[in-house]
Amino acid sequence: MRVAVLGATGLVGREMVRVLEERNFPVDELRLLASPQSAGREILFRGASWTVRAVDERAFDGVDLALFSAGSGPSRIWAPVAAGAGSVVVDNSSAWRMDPSVPLVVPEVNAETALGRPIIANPNCATIQAVVAAWPLHKEAGLDYMSAVTFQSVSGTGRAAVEELDRGSRAALAGEEPLPSVYPHSIAFNALPHIGAFDEEGVSEEEWKMVRESRKIMALPDLSVSCTTVRVPVFRGHSEALLFRFRRDLAPERAREILSRSPGVVVVDDPASASYPLAREAAGTDPVYVGRIRRDTALDRALALWVVSDNLKKGAALNAVQIGEFLLERGALRP
């Protein structure tokens, strides 16, 4: 089994390599690919050092599974090349997500749509954890409205943003003014309601991702979705305040029962003893954590939830590898 990782030196690319090892994915040959500037770097995998090479027209020859996390531009160039060479591509960028011919896959929700497709899109990190929580409840009571306010960590932007938060926090604690470069304002001890460009109506790119991707993944094209996305001074782990309204009444107790036995979900819900999901505790782990499950204070047939997950793992690398695992189980990867 030959597996390629494009964007191998980035935060998500390195996480993909770690997840392949953690889950003992059957890799006989690992091809670590990146831009020419990153070629020659070494990355550990199963105790051995593997050299990163520059991606080129022959890089995907003989590759069975290609995991991409190199950004939309490179994905648009190299995904058709890899698919043309016979690889199955799982792409973590936004390049293919809304292409009607490309499935947008969260294995706990719609794994079957990945079968027989040369290019498969990995959803946005914030969308993944929201639909993992929403889907089992939708199957029980019929989701007809979703509201999301996200609190997204800086690792979702990349290594430079992680370094900026570290640097800015140290500066602020020293009584100095943090100087932003990645974000339009300092992220240290701050919250920025600004993820991606704004359209003419003032809706951000990240907010539209949540709206459109949720509809596509759950095959609910008419689902009403409201969203505000916020970048917060957390290194790793996205948190979300979600509200789901259903066509049929769903008691919080029943929702806890359903979520407790749903794949990929861990319920942490005892607020009286200060037990609820936390980004710091989710960092480095696989599940989507759900807590604070309660009836909404205003809307009928609606539940409010607090949902937390590691954006680099389930929000990116793990989800991509799980797609590969599903395809392998179904015999859809050529060994």
Protein backbone atom coordinates (compact mmCIF):
# COMPACT_ATOMS: atom_id res chain seq x y z
CA MET A 1 0.00 0.00 0.00
CA ARG A 2 1.51 3.29 -1.15
CA VAL A 3 0.31 6.44 0.63
CA ALA A 4 1.28 10.01 -0.26
CA VAL A 5 0.88 13.10 1.94
CA LEU A 6 1.01 16.41 0.07
CA GLY A 7 1.75 19.34 2.36
CA ALA A 8 3.63 17.00 4.67
CA THR A 9 5.60 19.73 6.47
CA GLY A 10 2.55 21.77 7.56
CA LEU A 11 0.66 21.38 10.83
CA VAL A 12 -2.07 19.22 9.31
CA GLY A 13 0.31 17.28 7.07
CA ARG A 14 2.47 16.30 10.02
CA GLU A 15 -0.69 15.38 11.93
CA MET A 16 -1.75 13.14 9.04
CA VAL A 17 1.55 11.27 9.29
CA ARG A 18 1.10 10.86 13.07
CA VAL A 19 -2.48 9.62 12.67
CA LEU A 20 -1.45 7.09 10.01
CA GLU A 21 1.02 5.70 12.56
CA GLU A 22 -1.34 5.89 15.55
CA ARG A 23 -4.06 3.96 13.74
CA ASN A 24 -1.64 1.47 12.17
CA PHE A 25 -2.83 2.23 8.66
CA PRO A 26 -1.23 -0.34 6.34
CA VAL A 27 1.50 1.82 4.76
CA ASP A 28 4.25 -0.02 2.90
CA GLU A 29 5.59 3.08 1.19
CA LEU A 30 5.08 6.64 2.41
CA ARG A 31 5.67 9.51 0.00
CA LEU A 32 6.03 12.83 1.78
CA LEU A 33 5.46 15.67 -0.68
CA ALA A 34 5.66 19.44 -0.42
CA SER A 35 6.80 22.53 -2.28
CA PRO A 36 10.39 22.71 -3.53
CA GLN A 37 11.20 25.04 -0.60
CA SER A 38 10.37 22.26 1.87
CA ALA A 39 11.99 19.40 -0.01
CA GLY A 40 14.77 17.62 1.84
CA ARG A 41 13.26 17.88 5.31
CA GLU A 42 13.01 14.72 7.38
CA ILE A 43 9.86 13.45 9.13
CA LEU A 44 9.68 10.47 11.48
CA PHE A 45 7.24 7.67 10.74
CA ARG A 46 7.30 4.34 12.60
CA GLY A 47 10.74 5.00 13.98
CA ALA A 48 12.33 5.76 10.62
CA SER A 49 13.19 9.07 9.00
CA TRP A 50 11.45 9.76 5.69
CA THR A 51 12.65 12.49 3.33
CA VAL A 52 10.23 15.07 1.96
CA ARG A 53 10.41 15.44 -1.80
CA ALA A 54 9.12 18.17 -4.10
CA VAL A 55 5.82 17.32 -5.73
CA ASP A 56 5.98 16.79 -9.50
CA GLU A 57 4.10 15.10 -12.33
CA ARG A 58 5.41 11.63 -11.41
CA ALA A 59 5.03 11.93 -7.63
CA PHE A 60 1.74 9.99 -7.55
CA ASP A 61 2.65 7.14 -9.85
CA GLY A 62 1.62 3.90 -8.15
CA VAL A 63 0.12 5.73 -5.14
CA ASP A 64 -3.07 4.17 -3.76
CA LEU A 65 -4.17 6.90 -1.33
CA ALA A 66 -3.11 10.56 -1.49
CA LEU A 67 -3.88 12.78 1.50
CA PHE A 68 -3.71 16.48 0.62
CA SER A 69 -3.27 19.45 2.94
CA ALA A 70 -1.41 21.99 0.84
CA GLY A 71 -4.05 24.67 0.26
CA SER A 72 -6.61 25.23 -2.48
CA GLY A 73 -4.19 26.34 -5.19
CA PRO A 74 -1.93 23.28 -5.09
CA SER A 75 -4.96 21.01 -4.64
CA ARG A 76 -6.54 22.27 -7.84
CA ILE A 77 -3.29 21.59 -9.68
CA TRP A 78 -2.24 18.25 -8.20
CA ALA A 79 -5.51 16.46 -7.31
CA PRO A 80 -6.38 15.82 -10.99
CA VAL A 81 -2.78 14.68 -11.58
CA ALA A 82 -2.96 12.22 -8.68
CA ALA A 83 -6.42 11.00 -9.67
CA GLY A 84 -5.23 10.58 -13.25
CA ALA A 85 -2.39 8.39 -11.96
CA GLY A 86 -4.94 6.11 -10.28
CA SER A 87 -4.74 7.48 -6.74
CA VAL A 88 -7.75 8.16 -4.54
CA VAL A 89 -7.34 11.73 -3.29
CA VAL A 90 -8.68 12.98 0.05
CA ASP A 91 -8.23 16.75 -0.02
CA ASN A 92 -8.32 18.89 3.12
CA SER A 93 -8.54 22.26 1.35
CA SER A 94 -11.67 24.12 0.28
CA ALA A 95 -10.86 23.60 -3.42
CA TRP A 96 -13.33 20.77 -4.11
CA ARG A 97 -15.79 20.94 -1.23
CA MET A 98 -18.69 22.52 -3.08
CA ASP A 99 -18.03 20.83 -6.43
CA PRO A 100 -21.23 18.84 -7.08
CA SER A 101 -19.21 15.94 -8.50
CA VAL A 102 -17.02 15.64 -5.39
CA PRO A 103 -18.38 14.11 -2.16
CA LEU A 104 -17.84 16.07 1.06
CA VAL A 105 -17.35 13.35 3.64
CA VAL A 106 -17.55 12.89 7.40
CA PRO A 107 -17.38 9.11 7.93
CA GLU A 108 -19.81 9.13 10.88
CA VAL A 109 -22.39 10.81 8.61
CA ASN A 110 -22.03 9.97 4.92
CA ALA A 111 -19.11 7.59 4.35
CA GLU A 112 -20.91 5.76 1.52
CA THR A 113 -20.72 8.82 -0.73
CA ALA A 114 -16.92 8.37 -0.94
CA LEU A 115 -17.14 5.07 -2.81
CA GLY A 116 -16.06 5.14 -6.42
CA ARG A 117 -14.87 8.75 -6.36
CA PRO A 118 -11.33 9.71 -7.43
CA ILE A 119 -11.35 12.95 -5.41
CA ILE A 120 -12.98 13.23 -1.98
CA ALA A 121 -13.20 16.48 -0.03
CA ASN A 122 -12.48 16.76 3.68
CA PRO A 123 -14.79 19.37 5.24
CA ASN A 124 -13.86 22.48 7.18
CA CYS A 125 -12.70 21.69 10.72
CA ALA A 126 -15.50 23.62 12.43
CA THR A 127 -18.13 22.00 10.24
CA ILE A 128 -16.94 18.47 10.98
CA GLN A 129 -17.49 18.61 14.73
CA ALA A 130 -20.86 20.33 14.33
CA VAL A 131 -22.30 17.68 12.00
CA VAL A 132 -20.90 14.78 14.03
CA ALA A 133 -23.05 16.09 16.90
CA ALA A 134 -26.03 17.07 14.74
CA TRP A 135 -26.41 13.96 12.60
CA PRO A 136 -27.54 11.36 15.17
CA LEU A 137 -30.00 13.86 16.63
CA HIS A 138 -31.31 14.68 13.15
CA LYS A 139 -31.98 10.99 12.52
CA GLU A 140 -34.07 10.92 15.70
CA ALA A 141 -36.04 14.16 15.46
CA GLY A 142 -35.47 15.84 12.08
CA LEU A 143 -33.20 18.89 12.12
CA ASP A 144 -34.70 22.01 10.54
CA TYR A 145 -32.51 24.84 11.94
CA MET A 146 -28.95 25.11 13.19
CA SER A 147 -27.21 28.05 14.80
CA ALA A 148 -23.47 28.03 15.46
CA VAL A 149 -21.13 30.41 17.22
CA THR A 150 -17.59 29.10 16.96
CA PHE A 151 -14.52 29.78 19.10
CA GLN A 152 -11.68 28.62 16.86
CA SER A 153 -8.06 28.07 17.83
CA VAL A 154 -5.13 29.65 16.04
CA SER A 155 -3.74 26.32 14.84
CA GLY A 156 -6.55 26.37 12.29
CA THR A 157 -4.65 29.16 10.56
CA GLY A 158 -1.27 27.45 10.65
CA ARG A 159 2.11 27.45 12.34
CA ALA A 160 2.68 31.20 11.89
CA ALA A 161 -0.52 31.93 13.83
CA VAL A 162 0.53 29.62 16.67
CA GLU A 163 3.83 31.46 16.87
CA GLU A 164 2.05 34.82 16.77
CA LEU A 165 -0.17 33.89 19.71
CA ASP A 166 2.85 32.73 21.71
CA ARG A 167 4.86 35.82 20.85
CA GLY A 168 1.95 38.22 21.39
CA SER A 169 1.01 36.69 24.74
CA ARG A 170 4.58 37.06 26.00
CA ALA A 171 4.66 40.67 24.82
CA ALA A 172 1.34 41.54 26.46
CA LEU A 173 2.39 39.96 29.76
CA ALA A 174 5.59 42.01 29.62
CA GLY A 175 3.55 45.19 29.25
CA GLU A 176 4.36 45.58 25.56
CA GLU A 177 1.95 46.06 22.67
CA PRO A 178 1.64 42.83 20.63
CA LEU A 179 2.25 43.43 16.93
CA PRO A 180 0.00 41.33 14.63
CA SER A 181 1.13 39.98 11.29
CA VAL A 182 -1.06 36.94 10.61
CA TYR A 183 -4.31 38.51 11.83
CA PRO A 184 -5.58 42.07 11.38
CA HIS A 185 -5.43 42.59 15.17
CA SER A 186 -3.47 40.97 17.96
CA ILE A 187 -4.95 37.61 18.91
CA ALA A 188 -3.30 37.59 22.35
CA PHE A 189 -5.97 37.96 25.08
CA ASN A 190 -8.45 38.87 22.36
CA ALA A 191 -11.32 37.47 20.27
CA LEU A 192 -11.60 38.26 16.56
CA PRO A 193 -14.97 37.78 14.82
CA HIS A 194 -13.12 37.59 11.52
CA ILE A 195 -12.17 34.29 9.82
CA GLY A 196 -11.70 34.71 6.10
CA ALA A 197 -12.83 37.54 3.85
CA PHE A 198 -16.22 39.24 4.26
CA ASP A 199 -18.75 39.44 1.44
CA GLU A 200 -20.82 42.50 0.60
CA GLU A 201 -23.38 41.52 3.24
CA GLY A 202 -20.72 41.19 5.97
CA VAL A 203 -20.77 37.38 6.13
CA SER A 204 -17.30 35.84 6.43
CA GLU A 205 -15.88 33.08 4.28
CA GLU A 206 -15.72 30.72 7.28
CA GLU A 207 -19.37 31.39 8.11
CA TRP A 208 -20.45 30.48 4.58
CA LYS A 209 -18.38 27.27 4.85
CA MET A 210 -20.37 26.25 7.92
CA VAL A 211 -23.67 27.01 6.18
CA ARG A 212 -23.00 25.37 2.83
CA GLU A 213 -20.93 22.41 3.99
CA SER A 214 -23.41 21.39 6.70
CA ARG A 215 -26.18 21.28 4.12
CA LYS A 216 -24.12 19.21 1.68
CA ILE A 217 -22.75 16.68 4.18
CA MET A 218 -26.14 15.94 5.74
CA ALA A 219 -27.98 16.15 2.38
CA LEU A 220 -30.25 18.85 3.78
CA PRO A 221 -30.17 21.53 1.06
CA ASP A 222 -32.95 23.57 2.67
CA LEU A 223 -31.54 23.52 6.20
CA SER A 224 -31.60 26.97 7.80
CA VAL A 225 -28.18 27.76 9.27
CA SER A 226 -27.03 30.83 11.21
CA CYS A 227 -23.36 31.26 12.03
CA THR A 228 -20.78 33.58 13.59
CA THR A 229 -17.17 32.39 13.57
CA VAL A 230 -14.62 33.79 16.03
CA ARG A 231 -10.87 33.29 16.36
CA VAL A 232 -9.80 33.00 20.00
CA PRO A 233 -6.42 32.82 21.81
CA VAL A 234 -6.37 29.02 22.11
CA PHE A 235 -3.52 27.04 20.58
CA ARG A 236 -5.43 23.89 19.68
CA GLY A 237 -9.07 22.82 19.82
CA HIS A 238 -12.24 24.44 18.48
CA SER A 239 -15.27 25.09 20.69
CA GLU A 240 -18.79 25.74 19.44
CA ALA A 241 -22.05 26.93 20.95
CA LEU A 242 -24.63 25.11 18.85
CA LEU A 243 -28.41 25.32 18.75
CA PHE A 244 -30.47 22.69 16.96
CA ARG A 245 -34.21 23.02 16.33
CA PHE A 246 -36.06 19.87 15.33
CA ARG A 247 -39.34 19.02 13.64
CA ARG A 248 -40.21 16.76 16.57
CA ASP A 249 -39.60 17.40 20.25
CA LEU A 250 -36.39 15.90 21.61
CA ALA A 251 -35.79 15.87 25.35
CA PRO A 252 -32.26 16.60 26.60
CA GLU A 253 -32.20 13.22 28.36
CA ARG A 254 -32.96 11.43 25.09
CA ALA A 255 -30.34 13.51 23.26
CA ARG A 256 -27.70 12.51 25.82
CA GLU A 257 -28.65 8.86 25.39
CA ILE A 258 -28.39 9.06 21.60
CA LEU A 259 -25.09 10.94 21.61
CA SER A 260 -23.57 8.63 24.22
CA ARG A 261 -23.81 5.72 21.78
CA SER A 262 -22.99 7.67 18.60
CA PRO A 263 -19.68 6.94 16.86
CA GLY A 264 -16.98 9.52 17.41
CA VAL A 265 -18.85 11.31 20.23
CA VAL A 266 -18.05 11.50 23.93
CA VAL A 267 -20.63 13.13 26.20
CA VAL A 268 -19.23 15.22 29.07
CA ASP A 269 -22.27 16.79 30.64
CA ASP A 270 -22.48 17.48 34.36
CA PRO A 271 -22.29 21.27 34.62
CA ALA A 272 -23.23 21.27 38.30
CA SER A 273 -19.83 19.73 39.00
CA ALA A 274 -18.08 21.88 36.37
CA SER A 275 -17.86 18.91 33.98
CA TYR A 276 -18.17 19.96 30.34
CA PRO A 277 -15.93 19.81 27.26
CA LEU A 278 -12.78 21.94 27.30
CA ALA A 279 -10.45 22.76 24.42
CA ARG A 280 -7.31 22.08 26.46
CA GLU A 281 -8.53 18.62 27.39
CA ALA A 282 -9.63 17.84 23.82
CA ALA A 283 -6.24 18.75 22.34
CA GLY A 284 -4.44 15.70 21.01
CA THR A 285 -7.49 13.42 21.25
CA ASP A 286 -9.84 11.94 18.65
CA PRO A 287 -13.47 12.44 19.75
CA VAL A 288 -16.02 15.18 19.35
CA TYR A 289 -17.00 16.10 22.92
CA VAL A 290 -20.56 17.25 23.65
CA GLY A 291 -21.91 18.81 26.84
CA ARG A 292 -24.24 21.43 28.32
CA ILE A 293 -27.15 19.72 26.54
CA ARG A 294 -30.27 21.66 27.46
CA ARG A 295 -33.51 23.03 26.11
CA ASP A 296 -33.16 26.38 24.42
CA THR A 297 -34.53 29.27 26.46
CA ALA A 298 -36.47 30.77 23.55
CA LEU A 299 -37.27 28.32 20.74
CA ASP A 300 -39.63 25.37 20.94
CA ARG A 301 -38.28 21.91 20.00
CA ALA A 302 -34.73 23.24 20.26
CA LEU A 303 -31.64 22.12 22.15
CA ALA A 304 -28.47 24.06 22.96
CA LEU A 305 -25.14 22.23 23.15
CA TRP A 306 -21.44 22.95 23.74
CA VAL A 307 -19.24 20.99 21.33
CA VAL A 308 -15.42 20.77 21.40
CA SER A 309 -12.90 18.89 19.26
CA ASP A 310 -9.25 18.98 18.23
CA ASN A 311 -9.28 20.85 14.93
CA LEU A 312 -6.02 19.30 13.72
CA LYS A 313 -7.15 15.73 14.48
CA LYS A 314 -10.86 15.10 13.93
CA GLY A 315 -11.16 18.47 12.23
CA ALA A 316 -8.60 17.54 9.59
CA ALA A 317 -6.07 14.67 9.72
CA LEU A 318 -8.12 12.03 11.52
CA ASN A 319 -11.19 12.60 9.37
CA ALA A 320 -9.08 12.17 6.23
CA VAL A 321 -7.47 8.95 7.48
CA GLN A 322 -10.86 7.59 8.55
CA ILE A 323 -12.06 8.09 4.97
CA GLY A 324 -9.06 6.05 3.84
CA GLU A 325 -9.88 3.35 6.39
CA PHE A 326 -13.46 3.14 5.14
CA LEU A 327 -12.33 2.83 1.54
CA LEU A 328 -9.85 0.12 2.51
CA GLU A 329 -12.52 -1.84 4.38
CA ARG A 330 -14.79 -1.66 1.35
CA GLY A 331 -12.07 -2.76 -1.05
CA ALA A 332 -12.07 0.60 -2.79
CA LEU A 333 -8.29 1.09 -2.52
CA ARG A 334 -6.01 -0.97 -4.74
CA PRO A 335 -3.43 -2.70 -2.52
